[in-house]
Amino acid sequence: MQDRVVAQQSPSPLPSMAGPADEHLRWFVTSVRDEVVVALQGEMDMANADGLGRALAAVLETRPSKVTVDLESLSFLDSSGIRCLVIASQQASAVRSKFVVRRPGRAVLRVLQLTGTDTMLLEGSDGHAA
């Protein structure tokens, strides 16, 4: 099986390689064997969390063994973004996929810690061992 890379951006959950330069959130989906990595770039808020949620749901429909959301290039996360990640985690559980979040920056990590979702979502935490 070949590795594939698909660039996606909000609000469309369909694969796209180009988009408006003023988009606040972009995501890049990489599939290697039975793991899917979704790398986020920009800011996730109520204006774009639903689009990402649809994209994550589409990824989970393929039932990969693991979905990892990489937050290294995410600079902002609000409650709708947290809701998006929690729902995706629940959807992953329903299809028996492992769902983890990794490499949040300081500001994003602080939001996850304040809401208590760090223990449920972060790779290597009590909720999801690496």
C-alpha atoms as a PDB file:
ATOM      1  CA  MET A   1       0.000   0.000   0.000  1.00  0.00           C
ATOM      2  CA  GLN A   2       1.382   3.410  -0.914  1.00  0.00           C
ATOM      3  CA  ASP A   3       1.509   6.278   1.519  1.00  0.00           C
ATOM      4  CA  ARG A   4      -0.740   9.168   0.590  1.00  0.00           C
ATOM      5  CA  VAL A   5      -0.821  12.778   1.622  1.00  0.00           C
ATOM      6  CA  VAL A   6      -3.957  14.845   1.292  1.00  0.00           C
ATOM      7  CA  ALA A   7      -4.108  18.509   2.182  1.00  0.00           C
ATOM      8  CA  GLN A   8      -7.444  19.663   3.473  1.00  0.00           C
ATOM      9  CA  GLN A   9      -8.678  22.954   4.759  1.00  0.00           C
ATOM     10  CA  SER A  10     -11.785  24.282   6.347  1.00  0.00           C
ATOM     11  CA  PRO A  11     -14.632  24.483   5.685  1.00  0.00           C
ATOM     12  CA  SER A  12     -14.676  21.666   3.102  1.00  0.00           C
ATOM     13  CA  PRO A  13     -13.939  18.138   4.328  1.00  0.00           C
ATOM     14  CA  LEU A  14     -13.071  17.104   0.769  1.00  0.00           C
ATOM     15  CA  PRO A  15      -9.434  16.764  -0.306  1.00  0.00           C
ATOM     16  CA  SER A  16      -7.990  19.969  -1.685  1.00  0.00           C
ATOM     17  CA  MET A  17      -4.460  21.093  -2.462  1.00  0.00           C
ATOM     18  CA  ALA A  18      -5.150  24.825  -2.631  1.00  0.00           C
ATOM     19  CA  GLY A  19      -7.365  27.323  -0.911  1.00  0.00           C
ATOM     20  CA  PRO A  20      -7.837  30.911   0.134  1.00  0.00           C
ATOM     21  CA  ALA A  21      -4.739  32.467   1.652  1.00  0.00           C
ATOM     22  CA  ASP A  22      -6.809  33.929   4.492  1.00  0.00           C
ATOM     23  CA  GLU A  23      -8.001  30.598   5.920  1.00  0.00           C
ATOM     24  CA  HIS A  24      -7.417  30.458   9.684  1.00  0.00           C
ATOM     25  CA  LEU A  25      -7.122  26.686   9.898  1.00  0.00           C
ATOM     26  CA  ARG A  26      -5.582  24.153   7.560  1.00  0.00           C
ATOM     27  CA  TRP A  27      -5.051  20.479   8.050  1.00  0.00           C
ATOM     28  CA  PHE A  28      -2.905  17.930   6.309  1.00  0.00           C
ATOM     29  CA  VAL A  29      -3.823  14.259   6.386  1.00  0.00           C
ATOM     30  CA  THR A  30      -1.103  11.647   6.046  1.00  0.00           C
ATOM     31  CA  SER A  31      -1.935   7.971   5.956  1.00  0.00           C
ATOM     32  CA  VAL A  32       0.801   5.431   6.582  1.00  0.00           C
ATOM     33  CA  ARG A  33      -0.308   1.815   6.770  1.00  0.00           C
ATOM     34  CA  ASP A  34      -3.091   1.743   9.351  1.00  0.00           C
ATOM     35  CA  GLU A  35      -2.337   5.067  11.069  1.00  0.00           C
ATOM     36  CA  VAL A  36      -3.646   8.463  10.011  1.00  0.00           C
ATOM     37  CA  VAL A  37      -1.951  11.672  11.127  1.00  0.00           C
ATOM     38  CA  VAL A  38      -3.900  14.929  10.873  1.00  0.00           C
ATOM     39  CA  ALA A  39      -1.572  17.914  11.272  1.00  0.00           C
ATOM     40  CA  LEU A  40      -3.285  21.203  12.101  1.00  0.00           C
ATOM     41  CA  GLN A  41      -1.953  24.627  11.220  1.00  0.00           C
ATOM     42  CA  GLY A  42      -3.381  27.963  12.351  1.00  0.00           C
ATOM     43  CA  GLU A  43      -6.236  28.673  14.733  1.00  0.00           C
ATOM     44  CA  MET A  44      -9.156  26.379  15.594  1.00  0.00           C
ATOM     45  CA  ASP A  45     -12.303  28.142  16.739  1.00  0.00           C
ATOM     46  CA  MET A  46     -16.067  28.145  16.247  1.00  0.00           C
ATOM     47  CA  ALA A  47     -15.673  29.375  12.658  1.00  0.00           C
ATOM     48  CA  ASN A  48     -13.834  26.267  11.494  1.00  0.00           C
ATOM     49  CA  ALA A  49     -14.168  23.483  14.088  1.00  0.00           C
ATOM     50  CA  ASP A  50     -17.217  21.959  12.366  1.00  0.00           C
ATOM     51  CA  GLY A  51     -15.317  21.589   9.084  1.00  0.00           C
ATOM     52  CA  LEU A  52     -12.473  19.824  10.842  1.00  0.00           C
ATOM     53  CA  GLY A  53     -14.998  17.679  12.704  1.00  0.00           C
ATOM     54  CA  ARG A  54     -16.467  16.518   9.393  1.00  0.00           C
ATOM     55  CA  ALA A  55     -12.987  15.750   8.074  1.00  0.00           C
ATOM     56  CA  LEU A  56     -12.093  13.745  11.196  1.00  0.00           C
ATOM     57  CA  ALA A  57     -15.384  11.839  10.938  1.00  0.00           C
ATOM     58  CA  ALA A  58     -14.570  10.990   7.311  1.00  0.00           C
ATOM     59  CA  VAL A  59     -11.137   9.737   8.371  1.00  0.00           C
ATOM     60  CA  LEU A  60     -12.706   7.613  11.111  1.00  0.00           C
ATOM     61  CA  GLU A  61     -15.168   6.067   8.646  1.00  0.00           C
ATOM     62  CA  THR A  62     -12.161   4.244   7.169  1.00  0.00           C
ATOM     63  CA  ARG A  63     -11.572   2.664  10.607  1.00  0.00           C
ATOM     64  CA  PRO A  64      -7.824   3.169  10.928  1.00  0.00           C
ATOM     65  CA  SER A  65      -6.219   1.538  13.940  1.00  0.00           C
ATOM     66  CA  LYS A  66      -4.934   4.932  15.109  1.00  0.00           C
ATOM     67  CA  VAL A  67      -5.685   8.595  14.399  1.00  0.00           C
ATOM     68  CA  THR A  68      -3.168  11.142  15.663  1.00  0.00           C
ATOM     69  CA  VAL A  69      -3.931  14.866  15.595  1.00  0.00           C
ATOM     70  CA  ASP A  70      -0.692  16.865  15.581  1.00  0.00           C
ATOM     71  CA  LEU A  71      -1.127  20.298  17.177  1.00  0.00           C
ATOM     72  CA  GLU A  72       2.461  21.530  16.823  1.00  0.00           C
ATOM     73  CA  SER A  73       1.471  24.311  14.380  1.00  0.00           C
ATOM     74  CA  LEU A  74      -1.843  25.161  16.055  1.00  0.00           C
ATOM     75  CA  SER A  75      -1.590  28.569  17.737  1.00  0.00           C
ATOM     76  CA  PHE A  76      -5.126  28.914  19.162  1.00  0.00           C
ATOM     77  CA  LEU A  77      -7.793  26.542  20.445  1.00  0.00           C
ATOM     78  CA  ASP A  78     -11.167  27.535  21.896  1.00  0.00           C
ATOM     79  CA  SER A  79     -13.996  25.505  23.416  1.00  0.00           C
ATOM     80  CA  SER A  80     -15.472  24.594  20.023  1.00  0.00           C
ATOM     81  CA  GLY A  81     -12.107  23.171  19.009  1.00  0.00           C
ATOM     82  CA  ILE A  82     -11.957  21.146  22.206  1.00  0.00           C
ATOM     83  CA  ARG A  83     -15.502  19.928  21.551  1.00  0.00           C
ATOM     84  CA  CYS A  84     -14.443  18.879  18.039  1.00  0.00           C
ATOM     85  CA  LEU A  85     -11.540  16.824  19.402  1.00  0.00           C
ATOM     86  CA  VAL A  86     -13.631  15.242  22.166  1.00  0.00           C
ATOM     87  CA  ILE A  87     -16.366  14.235  19.700  1.00  0.00           C
ATOM     88  CA  ALA A  88     -13.753  12.775  17.347  1.00  0.00           C
ATOM     89  CA  SER A  89     -12.304  10.821  20.274  1.00  0.00           C
ATOM     90  CA  GLN A  90     -15.756   9.425  21.057  1.00  0.00           C
ATOM     91  CA  GLN A  91     -16.324   8.543  17.388  1.00  0.00           C
ATOM     92  CA  ALA A  92     -12.942   6.791  17.319  1.00  0.00           C
ATOM     93  CA  SER A  93     -13.878   4.758  20.370  1.00  0.00           C
ATOM     94  CA  ALA A  94     -17.129   3.712  18.697  1.00  0.00           C
ATOM     95  CA  VAL A  95     -15.224   2.278  15.709  1.00  0.00           C
ATOM     96  CA  ARG A  96     -12.426   0.884  17.907  1.00  0.00           C
ATOM     97  CA  SER A  97      -9.765   3.288  16.656  1.00  0.00           C
ATOM     98  CA  LYS A  98      -7.205   4.814  18.988  1.00  0.00           C
ATOM     99  CA  PHE A  99      -7.412   8.636  18.951  1.00  0.00           C
ATOM    100  CA  VAL A 100      -4.644  10.819  20.367  1.00  0.00           C
ATOM    101  CA  VAL A 101      -3.489  14.410  20.235  1.00  0.00           C
ATOM    102  CA  ARG A 102       0.217  15.222  20.290  1.00  0.00           C
ATOM    103  CA  ARG A 103       2.688  18.114  20.430  1.00  0.00           C
ATOM    104  CA  PRO A 104       0.503  21.044  21.506  1.00  0.00           C
ATOM    105  CA  GLY A 105       2.260  24.377  21.964  1.00  0.00           C
ATOM    106  CA  ARG A 106       2.255  26.057  25.368  1.00  0.00           C
ATOM    107  CA  ALA A 107      -0.921  28.098  24.837  1.00  0.00           C
ATOM    108  CA  VAL A 108      -2.893  25.164  23.419  1.00  0.00           C
ATOM    109  CA  LEU A 109      -1.580  22.812  26.116  1.00  0.00           C
ATOM    110  CA  ARG A 110      -2.693  25.284  28.787  1.00  0.00           C
ATOM    111  CA  VAL A 111      -6.248  25.290  27.385  1.00  0.00           C
ATOM    112  CA  LEU A 112      -6.296  21.478  27.359  1.00  0.00           C
ATOM    113  CA  GLN A 113      -5.026  21.412  30.956  1.00  0.00           C
ATOM    114  CA  LEU A 114      -7.523  24.004  32.194  1.00  0.00           C
ATOM    115  CA  THR A 115     -10.409  22.024  30.729  1.00  0.00           C
ATOM    116  CA  GLY A 116      -9.109  18.663  31.922  1.00  0.00           C
ATOM    117  CA  THR A 117      -9.117  17.260  28.409  1.00  0.00           C
ATOM    118  CA  ASP A 118      -5.337  16.799  28.384  1.00  0.00           C
ATOM    119  CA  THR A 119      -5.658  13.515  30.297  1.00  0.00           C
ATOM    120  CA  MET A 120      -8.241  12.230  27.844  1.00  0.00           C
ATOM    121  CA  LEU A 121      -6.669  13.355  24.577  1.00  0.00           C
ATOM    122  CA  LEU A 122      -2.887  13.731  24.839  1.00  0.00           C
ATOM    123  CA  GLU A 123      -0.658  10.942  23.632  1.00  0.00           C
ATOM    124  CA  GLY A 124       1.198   9.419  26.537  1.00  0.00           C
ATOM    125  CA  SER A 125      -1.296  10.669  29.136  1.00  0.00           C
ATOM    126  CA  ASP A 126      -3.236   8.454  31.516  1.00  0.00           C
ATOM    127  CA  GLY A 127      -6.186   8.454  29.122  1.00  0.00           C
ATOM    128  CA  HIS A 128      -4.172   7.221  26.133  1.00  0.00           C
ATOM    129  CA  ALA A 129      -0.814   5.616  26.604  1.00  0.00           C
ATOM    130  CA  ALA A 130       1.487   6.001  23.617  1.00  0.00           C
END
